[in-house]
C-alpha atoms as a PDB file:
ATOM      1  CA  MET A   1    -136.807 -53.280  49.769  1.00  0.00           C
ATOM      2  CA  ASN A   2    -134.036 -55.308  50.849  1.00  0.00           C
ATOM      3  CA  SER A   3    -131.114 -53.509  52.768  1.00  0.00           C
ATOM      4  CA  THR A   4    -127.792 -54.467  53.767  1.00  0.00           C
ATOM      5  CA  GLU A   5    -128.640 -51.654  56.338  1.00  0.00           C
ATOM      6  CA  PRO A   6    -130.784 -52.518  59.544  1.00  0.00           C
ATOM      7  CA  SER A   7    -131.814 -49.238  60.547  1.00  0.00           C
ATOM      8  CA  ALA A   8    -133.087 -45.700  58.629  1.00  0.00           C
ATOM      9  CA  VAL A   9    -131.310 -42.539  58.830  1.00  0.00           C
ATOM     10  CA  SER A  10    -132.608 -39.988  60.530  1.00  0.00           C
ATOM     11  CA  VAL A  11    -134.725 -37.282  58.543  1.00  0.00           C
ATOM     12  CA  ALA A  12    -133.242 -34.318  60.099  1.00  0.00           C
ATOM     13  CA  ALA A  13    -129.351 -35.711  60.320  1.00  0.00           C
ATOM     14  CA  ILE A  14    -129.784 -35.783  56.304  1.00  0.00           C
ATOM     15  CA  GLU A  15    -131.456 -32.684  55.926  1.00  0.00           C
ATOM     16  CA  GLN A  16    -128.349 -31.104  58.658  1.00  0.00           C
ATOM     17  CA  LEU A  17    -125.927 -32.694  56.093  1.00  0.00           C
ATOM     18  CA  THR A  18    -127.543 -30.933  53.150  1.00  0.00           C
ATOM     19  CA  ALA A  19    -127.352 -28.198  54.769  1.00  0.00           C
ATOM     20  CA  ARG A  20    -123.406 -28.286  55.521  1.00  0.00           C
ATOM     21  CA  ARG A  21    -123.022 -29.687  51.683  1.00  0.00           C
ATOM     22  CA  GLU A  22    -124.489 -25.990  50.322  1.00  0.00           C
ATOM     23  CA  ALA A  23    -122.743 -24.126  53.164  1.00  0.00           C
ATOM     24  CA  LEU A  24    -119.549 -25.241  52.152  1.00  0.00           C
ATOM     25  CA  VAL A  25    -119.923 -24.709  47.979  1.00  0.00           C
ATOM     26  CA  GLU A  26    -121.143 -21.150  49.070  1.00  0.00           C
ATOM     27  CA  GLN A  27    -118.090 -20.735  51.236  1.00  0.00           C
ATOM     28  CA  ILE A  28    -115.601 -22.487  48.752  1.00  0.00           C
ATOM     29  CA  GLY A  29    -117.036 -20.448  45.624  1.00  0.00           C
ATOM     30  CA  LYS A  30    -116.007 -17.235  47.210  1.00  0.00           C
ATOM     31  CA  ALA A  31    -111.933 -18.639  46.066  1.00  0.00           C
ATOM     32  CA  VAL A  32    -112.872 -20.793  43.472  1.00  0.00           C
ATOM     33  CA  ILE A  33    -115.060 -19.429  40.428  1.00  0.00           C
ATOM     34  CA  GLY A  34    -116.395 -21.992  38.267  1.00  0.00           C
ATOM     35  CA  GLN A  35    -115.895 -25.532  38.428  1.00  0.00           C
ATOM     36  CA  GLN A  36    -118.759 -26.138  39.702  1.00  0.00           C
ATOM     37  CA  GLU A  37    -118.446 -29.906  38.994  1.00  0.00           C
ATOM     38  CA  ILE A  38    -114.846 -30.852  40.673  1.00  0.00           C
ATOM     39  CA  ILE A  39    -116.154 -28.835  43.701  1.00  0.00           C
ATOM     40  CA  ASP A  40    -119.431 -31.255  43.848  1.00  0.00           C
ATOM     41  CA  ASN A  41    -116.756 -34.576  43.234  1.00  0.00           C
ATOM     42  CA  THR A  42    -114.607 -33.140  45.786  1.00  0.00           C
ATOM     43  CA  LEU A  43    -117.005 -32.525  48.344  1.00  0.00           C
ATOM     44  CA  LEU A  44    -118.237 -36.327  47.943  1.00  0.00           C
ATOM     45  CA  THR A  45    -114.748 -37.463  48.343  1.00  0.00           C
ATOM     46  CA  LEU A  46    -114.831 -35.962  51.229  1.00  0.00           C
ATOM     47  CA  PHE A  47    -117.814 -36.888  52.945  1.00  0.00           C
ATOM     48  CA  ALA A  48    -117.392 -40.663  51.723  1.00  0.00           C
ATOM     49  CA  GLY A  49    -114.374 -40.482  54.025  1.00  0.00           C
ATOM     50  CA  GLY A  50    -112.181 -41.503  50.437  1.00  0.00           C
ATOM     51  CA  HIS A  51    -109.081 -40.037  48.456  1.00  0.00           C
ATOM     52  CA  ALA A  52    -109.566 -38.174  45.376  1.00  0.00           C
ATOM     53  CA  LEU A  53    -106.794 -38.090  41.794  1.00  0.00           C
ATOM     54  CA  ILE A  54    -107.554 -34.739  39.983  1.00  0.00           C
ATOM     55  CA  THR A  55    -106.134 -34.768  36.782  1.00  0.00           C
ATOM     56  CA  GLY A  56    -105.376 -31.440  34.775  1.00  0.00           C
ATOM     57  CA  VAL A  57    -102.797 -28.734  33.636  1.00  0.00           C
ATOM     58  CA  PRO A  58    -101.486 -26.238  35.753  1.00  0.00           C
ATOM     59  CA  GLY A  59    -103.292 -23.079  36.298  1.00  0.00           C
ATOM     60  CA  LEU A  60    -106.715 -24.478  37.146  1.00  0.00           C
ATOM     61  CA  ALA A  61    -106.966 -23.929  40.830  1.00  0.00           C
ATOM     62  CA  LYS A  62    -106.456 -27.167  42.140  1.00  0.00           C
ATOM     63  CA  THR A  63    -104.172 -26.076  44.782  1.00  0.00           C
ATOM     64  CA  LEU A  64    -107.022 -23.572  46.025  1.00  0.00           C
ATOM     65  CA  LEU A  65    -109.986 -25.722  45.680  1.00  0.00           C
ATOM     66  CA  ILE A  66    -108.522 -27.561  48.213  1.00  0.00           C
ATOM     67  CA  ARG A  67    -106.990 -24.853  50.717  1.00  0.00           C
ATOM     68  CA  SER A  68    -110.140 -23.672  50.859  1.00  0.00           C
ATOM     69  CA  LEU A  69    -112.205 -27.017  51.434  1.00  0.00           C
ATOM     70  CA  SER A  70    -109.171 -26.885  54.680  1.00  0.00           C
ATOM     71  CA  GLN A  71    -110.498 -23.501  55.634  1.00  0.00           C
ATOM     72  CA  ALA A  72    -113.933 -24.251  55.141  1.00  0.00           C
ATOM     73  CA  VAL A  73    -113.952 -27.247  57.197  1.00  0.00           C
ATOM     74  CA  ASP A  74    -111.495 -26.170  59.472  1.00  0.00           C
ATOM     75  CA  LEU A  75    -109.320 -28.873  58.896  1.00  0.00           C
ATOM     76  CA  GLN A  76    -105.001 -29.241  58.786  1.00  0.00           C
ATOM     77  CA  PHE A  77    -103.848 -28.215  55.478  1.00  0.00           C
ATOM     78  CA  ASN A  78    -100.264 -30.088  54.054  1.00  0.00           C
ATOM     79  CA  ARG A  79     -99.356 -29.124  50.646  1.00  0.00           C
ATOM     80  CA  ILE A  80     -96.606 -31.482  49.231  1.00  0.00           C
ATOM     81  CA  GLN A  81     -94.521 -30.966  46.071  1.00  0.00           C
ATOM     82  CA  PHE A  82     -93.559 -33.806  44.844  1.00  0.00           C
ATOM     83  CA  THR A  83     -90.353 -33.714  42.364  1.00  0.00           C
ATOM     84  CA  PRO A  84     -88.037 -35.888  41.090  1.00  0.00           C
ATOM     85  CA  ASP A  85     -86.237 -35.835  44.266  1.00  0.00           C
ATOM     86  CA  LEU A  86     -88.685 -36.585  46.370  1.00  0.00           C
ATOM     87  CA  MET A  87     -87.546 -39.082  49.136  1.00  0.00           C
ATOM     88  CA  PRO A  88     -89.884 -41.374  51.058  1.00  0.00           C
ATOM     89  CA  SER A  89     -88.856 -40.227  54.119  1.00  0.00           C
ATOM     90  CA  ASP A  90     -89.335 -36.472  53.305  1.00  0.00           C
ATOM     91  CA  ILE A  91     -93.327 -37.237  53.120  1.00  0.00           C
ATOM     92  CA  THR A  92     -93.966 -39.451  56.220  1.00  0.00           C
ATOM     93  CA  GLY A  93     -91.135 -38.508  58.444  1.00  0.00           C
ATOM     94  CA  THR A  94     -87.863 -40.267  59.732  1.00  0.00           C
ATOM     95  CA  ASP A  95     -85.823 -41.009  63.552  1.00  0.00           C
ATOM     96  CA  VAL A  96     -83.238 -38.258  64.268  1.00  0.00           C
ATOM     97  CA  LEU A  97     -81.322 -39.088  66.776  1.00  0.00           C
ATOM     98  CA  GLU A  98     -81.647 -36.657  69.957  1.00  0.00           C
ATOM     99  CA  GLU A  99     -79.247 -36.145  72.790  1.00  0.00           C
ATOM    100  CA  ASP A 100     -81.463 -36.032  75.876  1.00  0.00           C
ATOM    101  CA  PRO A 101     -80.168 -32.550  78.070  1.00  0.00           C
ATOM    102  CA  GLU A 102     -80.293 -34.438  80.984  1.00  0.00           C
ATOM    103  CA  SER A 103     -78.609 -37.726  81.003  1.00  0.00           C
ATOM    104  CA  GLY A 104     -77.096 -36.656  78.133  1.00  0.00           C
ATOM    105  CA  ARG A 105     -77.890 -39.853  76.555  1.00  0.00           C
ATOM    106  CA  ARG A 106     -78.922 -39.861  72.409  1.00  0.00           C
ATOM    107  CA  ARG A 107     -81.937 -41.636  71.765  1.00  0.00           C
ATOM    108  CA  GLN A 108     -84.444 -42.088  68.280  1.00  0.00           C
ATOM    109  CA  VAL A 109     -86.977 -39.484  67.765  1.00  0.00           C
ATOM    110  CA  PHE A 110     -89.314 -39.797  65.145  1.00  0.00           C
ATOM    111  CA  LEU A 111     -89.857 -36.785  63.377  1.00  0.00           C
ATOM    112  CA  PRO A 112     -93.222 -36.240  61.782  1.00  0.00           C
ATOM    113  CA  GLY A 113     -93.755 -35.534  58.077  1.00  0.00           C
ATOM    114  CA  PRO A 114     -95.909 -33.160  56.513  1.00  0.00           C
ATOM    115  CA  VAL A 115     -97.997 -36.222  55.759  1.00  0.00           C
ATOM    116  CA  PHE A 116     -99.062 -36.003  59.405  1.00  0.00           C
ATOM    117  CA  SER A 117    -102.234 -33.399  58.707  1.00  0.00           C
ATOM    118  CA  ASN A 118    -105.880 -33.904  58.456  1.00  0.00           C
ATOM    119  CA  LEU A 119    -105.926 -32.417  54.508  1.00  0.00           C
ATOM    120  CA  ILE A 120    -102.880 -33.794  52.107  1.00  0.00           C
ATOM    121  CA  LEU A 121    -102.539 -31.868  49.145  1.00  0.00           C
ATOM    122  CA  ALA A 122    -100.240 -34.191  47.062  1.00  0.00           C
ATOM    123  CA  ASP A 123     -99.561 -31.468  43.939  1.00  0.00           C
ATOM    124  CA  GLU A 124     -98.001 -33.390  40.766  1.00  0.00           C
ATOM    125  CA  ILE A 125     -97.823 -36.529  42.416  1.00  0.00           C
ATOM    126  CA  ASN A 126     -96.996 -38.476  39.002  1.00  0.00           C
ATOM    127  CA  ARG A 127     -93.530 -35.951  38.845  1.00  0.00           C
ATOM    128  CA  THR A 128     -92.229 -38.567  41.602  1.00  0.00           C
ATOM    129  CA  PRO A 129     -90.452 -41.701  40.942  1.00  0.00           C
ATOM    130  CA  PRO A 130     -93.025 -44.961  41.699  1.00  0.00           C
ATOM    131  CA  LYS A 131     -90.532 -45.653  44.961  1.00  0.00           C
ATOM    132  CA  THR A 132     -91.583 -41.796  46.495  1.00  0.00           C
ATOM    133  CA  GLN A 133     -95.552 -42.748  45.277  1.00  0.00           C
ATOM    134  CA  ALA A 134     -95.484 -45.807  47.038  1.00  0.00           C
ATOM    135  CA  ALA A 135     -94.413 -44.186  50.255  1.00  0.00           C
ATOM    136  CA  MET A 136     -98.425 -42.471  50.340  1.00  0.00           C
ATOM    137  CA  LEU A 137     -99.880 -46.370  49.496  1.00  0.00           C
ATOM    138  CA  GLU A 138     -99.853 -47.376  53.876  1.00  0.00           C
ATOM    139  CA  THR A 139    -101.264 -43.446  54.356  1.00  0.00           C
ATOM    140  CA  MET A 140    -103.947 -43.894  51.953  1.00  0.00           C
ATOM    141  CA  GLN A 141    -104.943 -47.207  53.086  1.00  0.00           C
ATOM    142  CA  GLU A 142    -103.996 -47.799  56.696  1.00  0.00           C
ATOM    143  CA  ARG A 143    -103.961 -44.223  57.606  1.00  0.00           C
ATOM    144  CA  GLN A 144    -100.825 -44.921  59.326  1.00  0.00           C
ATOM    145  CA  VAL A 145     -97.398 -44.809  58.955  1.00  0.00           C
ATOM    146  CA  THR A 146     -94.530 -47.212  59.950  1.00  0.00           C
ATOM    147  CA  VAL A 147     -90.733 -46.072  60.368  1.00  0.00           C
ATOM    148  CA  GLY A 148     -88.096 -48.206  61.748  1.00  0.00           C
ATOM    149  CA  GLY A 149     -90.934 -50.662  62.629  1.00  0.00           C
ATOM    150  CA  LYS A 150     -93.220 -48.642  64.927  1.00  0.00           C
ATOM    151  CA  THR A 151     -96.443 -47.627  63.435  1.00  0.00           C
ATOM    152  CA  TYR A 152     -97.958 -44.111  64.450  1.00  0.00           C
ATOM    153  CA  PRO A 153    -102.014 -43.115  63.267  1.00  0.00           C
ATOM    154  CA  LEU A 154    -102.500 -40.524  61.254  1.00  0.00           C
ATOM    155  CA  PRO A 155    -104.744 -37.742  62.311  1.00  0.00           C
ATOM    156  CA  LYS A 156    -109.092 -37.988  61.852  1.00  0.00           C
ATOM    157  CA  PRO A 157    -110.234 -37.267  59.512  1.00  0.00           C
ATOM    158  CA  PHE A 158    -107.531 -38.268  56.703  1.00  0.00           C
ATOM    159  CA  HIS A 159    -107.505 -36.769  53.039  1.00  0.00           C
ATOM    160  CA  VAL A 160    -105.798 -37.163  50.440  1.00  0.00           C
ATOM    161  CA  PHE A 161    -106.074 -34.768  47.251  1.00  0.00           C
ATOM    162  CA  ALA A 162    -103.731 -36.092  44.950  1.00  0.00           C
ATOM    163  CA  THR A 163    -103.028 -33.643  41.472  1.00  0.00           C
ATOM    164  CA  GLN A 164    -101.303 -34.916  38.383  1.00  0.00           C
ATOM    165  CA  ASN A 165    -100.348 -33.459  35.259  1.00  0.00           C
ATOM    166  CA  PRO A 166    -101.592 -35.381  31.724  1.00  0.00           C
ATOM    167  CA  ILE A 167    -100.019 -38.211  31.115  1.00  0.00           C
ATOM    168  CA  GLU A 168     -98.065 -37.213  27.583  1.00  0.00           C
ATOM    169  CA  GLN A 169     -96.379 -34.033  28.671  1.00  0.00           C
ATOM    170  CA  GLU A 170     -93.043 -34.258  29.165  1.00  0.00           C
ATOM    171  CA  GLY A 171     -90.811 -35.500  33.252  1.00  0.00           C
ATOM    172  CA  THR A 172     -94.392 -37.202  34.288  1.00  0.00           C
ATOM    173  CA  TYR A 173     -94.540 -41.208  35.829  1.00  0.00           C
ATOM    174  CA  VAL A 174     -97.658 -43.149  35.037  1.00  0.00           C
ATOM    175  CA  LEU A 175     -98.870 -43.896  38.558  1.00  0.00           C
ATOM    176  CA  PRO A 176     -98.613 -47.882  39.805  1.00  0.00           C
ATOM    177  CA  GLU A 177    -101.242 -49.826  39.380  1.00  0.00           C
ATOM    178  CA  ALA A 178    -101.862 -50.244  43.474  1.00  0.00           C
ATOM    179  CA  GLN A 179    -101.247 -46.575  43.553  1.00  0.00           C
ATOM    180  CA  ALA A 180    -104.227 -45.383  41.122  1.00  0.00           C
ATOM    181  CA  ASP A 181    -106.290 -47.962  42.737  1.00  0.00           C
ATOM    182  CA  ARG A 182    -106.320 -45.853  46.618  1.00  0.00           C
ATOM    183  CA  PHE A 183    -107.965 -42.986  44.802  1.00  0.00           C
ATOM    184  CA  MET A 184    -111.496 -43.215  45.472  1.00  0.00           C
ATOM    185  CA  PHE A 185    -112.596 -40.689  42.447  1.00  0.00           C
ATOM    186  CA  CYS A 186    -110.130 -39.489  39.255  1.00  0.00           C
ATOM    187  CA  LEU A 187    -111.288 -36.262  38.755  1.00  0.00           C
ATOM    188  CA  ASN A 188    -110.398 -33.998  35.283  1.00  0.00           C
ATOM    189  CA  THR A 189    -110.827 -30.529  35.405  1.00  0.00           C
ATOM    190  CA  THR A 190    -111.317 -28.088  32.179  1.00  0.00           C
ATOM    191  CA  TYR A 191    -110.822 -24.936  31.452  1.00  0.00           C
ATOM    192  CA  PRO A 192    -113.477 -22.674  32.452  1.00  0.00           C
ATOM    193  CA  SER A 193    -115.904 -20.550  30.152  1.00  0.00           C
ATOM    194  CA  VAL A 194    -115.052 -17.330  28.768  1.00  0.00           C
ATOM    195  CA  ALA A 195    -117.106 -15.761  31.175  1.00  0.00           C
ATOM    196  CA  GLU A 196    -115.772 -17.388  34.365  1.00  0.00           C
ATOM    197  CA  GLU A 197    -112.002 -16.891  33.611  1.00  0.00           C
ATOM    198  CA  GLU A 198    -112.965 -12.959  32.837  1.00  0.00           C
ATOM    199  CA  ARG A 199    -114.628 -12.954  36.815  1.00  0.00           C
ATOM    200  CA  VAL A 200    -111.285 -15.103  37.456  1.00  0.00           C
ATOM    201  CA  VAL A 201    -109.022 -12.124  35.966  1.00  0.00           C
ATOM    202  CA  ARG A 202    -111.724  -8.608  37.526  1.00  0.00           C
ATOM    203  CA  GLU A 203    -111.859 -10.724  41.293  1.00  0.00           C
ATOM    204  CA  THR A 204    -108.031 -12.025  41.339  1.00  0.00           C
ATOM    205  CA  THR A 205    -105.703  -8.841  40.006  1.00  0.00           C
ATOM    206  CA  GLY A 206    -107.696  -6.352  42.720  1.00  0.00           C
ATOM    207  CA  THR A 207    -106.696  -6.021  46.472  1.00  0.00           C
ATOM    208  CA  SER A 208    -110.016  -7.535  47.556  1.00  0.00           C
ATOM    209  CA  GLN A 209    -109.071 -11.431  48.837  1.00  0.00           C
ATOM    210  CA  ALA A 210    -112.027 -14.279  49.613  1.00  0.00           C
ATOM    211  CA  VAL A 211    -112.712 -15.016  53.472  1.00  0.00           C
ATOM    212  CA  ILE A 212    -113.757 -17.960  53.922  1.00  0.00           C
ATOM    213  CA  THR A 213    -115.540 -18.868  57.343  1.00  0.00           C
ATOM    214  CA  PRO A 214    -115.227 -22.730  58.507  1.00  0.00           C
ATOM    215  CA  VAL A 215    -119.142 -24.647  58.566  1.00  0.00           C
ATOM    216  CA  ILE A 216    -117.784 -27.651  59.749  1.00  0.00           C
ATOM    217  CA  THR A 217    -115.785 -28.622  62.162  1.00  0.00           C
ATOM    218  CA  GLY A 218    -113.215 -31.982  62.314  1.00  0.00           C
ATOM    219  CA  PRO A 219    -114.868 -34.493  64.633  1.00  0.00           C
ATOM    220  CA  GLU A 220    -118.952 -33.251  63.124  1.00  0.00           C
ATOM    221  CA  LEU A 221    -116.837 -33.983  59.392  1.00  0.00           C
ATOM    222  CA  ILE A 222    -116.427 -37.436  61.034  1.00  0.00           C
ATOM    223  CA  GLU A 223    -119.952 -37.724  62.083  1.00  0.00           C
ATOM    224  CA  ALA A 224    -121.344 -36.984  58.615  1.00  0.00           C
ATOM    225  CA  GLN A 225    -118.858 -39.771  56.928  1.00  0.00           C
ATOM    226  CA  LYS A 226    -120.694 -41.463  59.634  1.00  0.00           C
ATOM    227  CA  LEU A 227    -123.590 -41.133  58.815  1.00  0.00           C
ATOM    228  CA  VAL A 228    -123.234 -41.409  55.076  1.00  0.00           C
ATOM    229  CA  ARG A 229    -122.204 -44.895  55.827  1.00  0.00           C
ATOM    230  CA  SER A 230    -125.370 -45.804  57.614  1.00  0.00           C
ATOM    231  CA  VAL A 231    -127.340 -44.845  54.221  1.00  0.00           C
ATOM    232  CA  PRO A 232    -129.183 -47.669  53.620  1.00  0.00           C
ATOM    233  CA  VAL A 233    -128.442 -49.494  49.875  1.00  0.00           C
ATOM    234  CA  SER A 234    -130.913 -52.114  48.096  1.00  0.00           C
ATOM    235  CA  ASP A 235    -129.547 -56.032  47.411  1.00  0.00           C
ATOM    236  CA  GLU A 236    -130.563 -54.377  44.111  1.00  0.00           C
ATOM    237  CA  VAL A 237    -128.771 -51.136  43.878  1.00  0.00           C
ATOM    238  CA  ILE A 238    -125.165 -53.494  45.159  1.00  0.00           C
ATOM    239  CA  ALA A 239    -125.823 -55.934  42.206  1.00  0.00           C
ATOM    240  CA  TYR A 240    -125.839 -52.978  39.695  1.00  0.00           C
ATOM    241  CA  ALA A 241    -122.935 -52.085  41.423  1.00  0.00           C
ATOM    242  CA  VAL A 242    -121.293 -54.909  41.134  1.00  0.00           C
ATOM    243  CA  ARG A 243    -122.047 -56.051  37.991  1.00  0.00           C
ATOM    244  CA  LEU A 244    -121.355 -52.621  36.061  1.00  0.00           C
ATOM    245  CA  VAL A 245    -117.734 -53.829  37.559  1.00  0.00           C
ATOM    246  CA  SER A 246    -117.160 -56.833  36.527  1.00  0.00           C
ATOM    247  CA  ARG A 247    -118.168 -56.191  32.949  1.00  0.00           C
ATOM    248  CA  THR A 248    -114.986 -53.747  32.716  1.00  0.00           C
ATOM    249  CA  ARG A 249    -112.834 -57.348  33.531  1.00  0.00           C
ATOM    250  CA  PRO A 250    -111.959 -58.724  29.770  1.00  0.00           C
ATOM    251  CA  GLU A 251    -112.256 -62.452  31.267  1.00  0.00           C
ATOM    252  CA  THR A 252    -116.186 -62.374  32.810  1.00  0.00           C
ATOM    253  CA  PRO A 253    -118.021 -64.492  30.642  1.00  0.00           C
ATOM    254  CA  ASP A 254    -120.462 -61.717  30.216  1.00  0.00           C
ATOM    255  CA  ALA A 255    -117.944 -58.643  29.418  1.00  0.00           C
ATOM    256  CA  PRO A 256    -119.122 -57.253  26.115  1.00  0.00           C
ATOM    257  CA  ALA A 257    -117.067 -57.798  23.031  1.00  0.00           C
ATOM    258  CA  TYR A 258    -115.478 -54.191  22.858  1.00  0.00           C
ATOM    259  CA  ILE A 259    -114.366 -55.226  26.237  1.00  0.00           C
ATOM    260  CA  ARG A 260    -112.255 -57.731  25.917  1.00  0.00           C
ATOM    261  CA  GLU A 261    -110.940 -56.442  22.567  1.00  0.00           C
ATOM    262  CA  PHE A 262    -109.709 -52.964  24.262  1.00  0.00           C
ATOM    263  CA  VAL A 263    -109.233 -53.964  28.139  1.00  0.00           C
ATOM    264  CA  ARG A 264    -105.996 -54.545  29.567  1.00  0.00           C
ATOM    265  CA  TRP A 265    -107.140 -55.489  32.713  1.00  0.00           C
ATOM    266  CA  GLY A 266    -110.852 -54.016  34.489  1.00  0.00           C
ATOM    267  CA  ALA A 267    -111.706 -52.188  37.805  1.00  0.00           C
ATOM    268  CA  SER A 268    -111.055 -54.388  41.311  1.00  0.00           C
ATOM    269  CA  PRO A 269    -113.771 -54.498  43.869  1.00  0.00           C
ATOM    270  CA  ARG A 270    -112.891 -51.880  45.184  1.00  0.00           C
ATOM    271  CA  ALA A 271    -114.019 -50.183  42.507  1.00  0.00           C
ATOM    272  CA  SER A 272    -117.766 -51.853  43.813  1.00  0.00           C
ATOM    273  CA  GLN A 273    -117.427 -50.244  47.208  1.00  0.00           C
ATOM    274  CA  PHE A 274    -116.398 -46.877  46.061  1.00  0.00           C
ATOM    275  CA  LEU A 275    -119.763 -47.221  43.701  1.00  0.00           C
ATOM    276  CA  VAL A 276    -121.730 -48.212  46.567  1.00  0.00           C
ATOM    277  CA  LEU A 277    -120.062 -45.648  49.151  1.00  0.00           C
ATOM    278  CA  GLY A 278    -120.026 -42.972  46.987  1.00  0.00           C
ATOM    279  CA  ALA A 279    -123.903 -43.628  46.122  1.00  0.00           C
ATOM    280  CA  LYS A 280    -124.609 -43.362  49.185  1.00  0.00           C
ATOM    281  CA  ALA A 281    -122.752 -39.976  49.750  1.00  0.00           C
ATOM    282  CA  ARG A 282    -123.739 -38.202  46.775  1.00  0.00           C
ATOM    283  CA  ALA A 283    -127.767 -39.615  48.474  1.00  0.00           C
ATOM    284  CA  ALA A 284    -127.149 -37.937  52.102  1.00  0.00           C
ATOM    285  CA  THR A 285    -125.399 -34.568  50.585  1.00  0.00           C
ATOM    286  CA  THR A 286    -129.090 -34.352  48.560  1.00  0.00           C
ATOM    287  CA  GLY A 287    -131.800 -34.620  50.785  1.00  0.00           C
ATOM    288  CA  ARG A 288    -132.445 -38.534  50.103  1.00  0.00           C
ATOM    289  CA  LEU A 289    -132.665 -41.726  52.694  1.00  0.00           C
ATOM    290  CA  CYS A 290    -131.200 -44.021  50.798  1.00  0.00           C
ATOM    291  CA  ALA A 291    -128.604 -44.791  47.605  1.00  0.00           C
ATOM    292  CA  ASP A 292    -129.923 -45.714  43.925  1.00  0.00           C
ATOM    293  CA  GLU A 293    -129.290 -47.584  41.141  1.00  0.00           C
ATOM    294  CA  GLU A 294    -128.538 -43.343  39.536  1.00  0.00           C
ATOM    295  CA  GLY A 295    -126.593 -42.711  42.105  1.00  0.00           C
ATOM    296  CA  ILE A 296    -124.258 -45.853  40.978  1.00  0.00           C
ATOM    297  CA  ARG A 297    -124.418 -43.675  37.731  1.00  0.00           C
ATOM    298  CA  HIS A 298    -123.562 -40.405  38.489  1.00  0.00           C
ATOM    299  CA  VAL A 299    -120.432 -41.622  40.433  1.00  0.00           C
ATOM    300  CA  ALA A 300    -119.388 -44.429  37.915  1.00  0.00           C
ATOM    301  CA  ARG A 301    -116.942 -42.075  35.023  1.00  0.00           C
ATOM    302  CA  GLN A 302    -114.867 -41.203  38.536  1.00  0.00           C
ATOM    303  CA  VAL A 303    -114.531 -44.513  39.891  1.00  0.00           C
ATOM    304  CA  LEU A 304    -113.658 -45.930  36.679  1.00  0.00           C
ATOM    305  CA  ARG A 305    -111.751 -44.095  34.662  1.00  0.00           C
ATOM    306  CA  HIS A 306    -108.501 -44.891  36.607  1.00  0.00           C
ATOM    307  CA  ARG A 307    -108.957 -48.403  36.748  1.00  0.00           C
ATOM    308  CA  ILE A 308    -109.814 -49.293  33.359  1.00  0.00           C
ATOM    309  CA  ASN A 309    -106.514 -50.197  32.222  1.00  0.00           C
ATOM    310  CA  PRO A 310    -106.618 -50.118  27.975  1.00  0.00           C
ATOM    311  CA  ASN A 311    -104.459 -51.951  25.257  1.00  0.00           C
ATOM    312  CA  PHE A 312    -102.684 -51.670  22.186  1.00  0.00           C
ATOM    313  CA  ASN A 313    -105.427 -52.222  19.979  1.00  0.00           C
ATOM    314  CA  ALA A 314    -107.280 -49.397  22.087  1.00  0.00           C
ATOM    315  CA  ARG A 315    -104.465 -46.747  21.819  1.00  0.00           C
ATOM    316  CA  ALA A 316    -103.877 -47.993  18.161  1.00  0.00           C
ATOM    317  CA  GLN A 317    -107.658 -47.190  17.525  1.00  0.00           C
ATOM    318  CA  LYS A 318    -107.530 -44.454  19.702  1.00  0.00           C
ATOM    319  CA  VAL A 319    -110.425 -45.846  21.964  1.00  0.00           C
ATOM    320  CA  SER A 320    -110.401 -44.055  25.413  1.00  0.00           C
ATOM    321  CA  VAL A 321    -111.337 -45.303  28.223  1.00  0.00           C
ATOM    322  CA  GLU A 322    -114.457 -42.683  28.645  1.00  0.00           C
ATOM    323  CA  THR A 323    -116.266 -44.147  25.271  1.00  0.00           C
ATOM    324  CA  LEU A 324    -115.665 -47.496  27.024  1.00  0.00           C
ATOM    325  CA  ILE A 325    -117.525 -46.267  30.488  1.00  0.00           C
ATOM    326  CA  GLY A 326    -120.159 -44.670  28.207  1.00  0.00           C
ATOM    327  CA  ARG A 327    -120.470 -47.699  26.797  1.00  0.00           C
ATOM    328  CA  LEU A 328    -120.881 -49.515  29.942  1.00  0.00           C
ATOM    329  CA  LEU A 329    -123.497 -47.579  30.952  1.00  0.00           C
ATOM    330  CA  LYS A 330    -125.891 -47.879  28.374  1.00  0.00           C
ATOM    331  CA  ASP A 331    -125.483 -51.073  27.522  1.00  0.00           C
ATOM    332  CA  VAL A 332    -125.325 -53.265  31.284  1.00  0.00           C
ATOM    333  CA  PRO A 333    -128.973 -53.503  32.397  1.00  0.00           C
ATOM    334  CA  ILE A 334    -130.301 -51.291  35.804  1.00  0.00           C
ATOM    335  CA  ARG A 335    -132.394 -54.597  36.793  1.00  0.00           C
END
């Protein structure tokens, strides 16, 4: 196998990561009933070191999921409620004047904002204007904040899980393309089944409360993320990921006719990176020693659904992005 990674990963390390992932699922499942697909993809995001955008109507346990995750990983958690009047400094922090009690002189002191935490829940991120949304760009990409010409590193690990309501609801703003592209995954929440909803009502209207026990520490999570990146991936798998992403772009010579007809612009190279990284995370957390094409296909919808911009023809003919991704997965050859 031609691989971009010179050394194989430890079998024992992979087994340990798989066990920890199963333990996380068990602990989160004490508080979050159902939503198994969202839990799985949230953990993939975490172990890959990325951020996720979670779309769905209110009341589907999005906040509970991220809060439970922070408890199971023993990380500092902050929830930021995005509102139309939220300012960038309300997120990143600001410089304030402080008087030195000894000298009586005033000096500028940086007061950190709520973004200085390990796990951030950016709740209803599309309810604030793009100017405030843009405050998250540097934090998500460089893991740092710049205020008053000074740069302050964010704690490690650092992950943003943002929620947004369906865009057709009133009082929402479309996420800028640069902002959306920072998210590794876009996850769609769905309503629980009748049986799951009955269990939710039964267990949340009584006196008992779920007790979540930490199963992995922050430093151990960072080591797990390093392990994920060291998972071997063949040149063929990388080529498949790039081929899949390149054919989302209507200007690409080998783009399918339906992409040229219905897509305004396609995914950036960051999508190829996240496809491979997602496949590595899936391999490492399911006991596999290398990433494969099936792993690429497993994360393709999560990676691509917020990076393909449909044009007027698609909206007029009600052709969804999900449909386009499904056709690409069917038409783009693995080898």
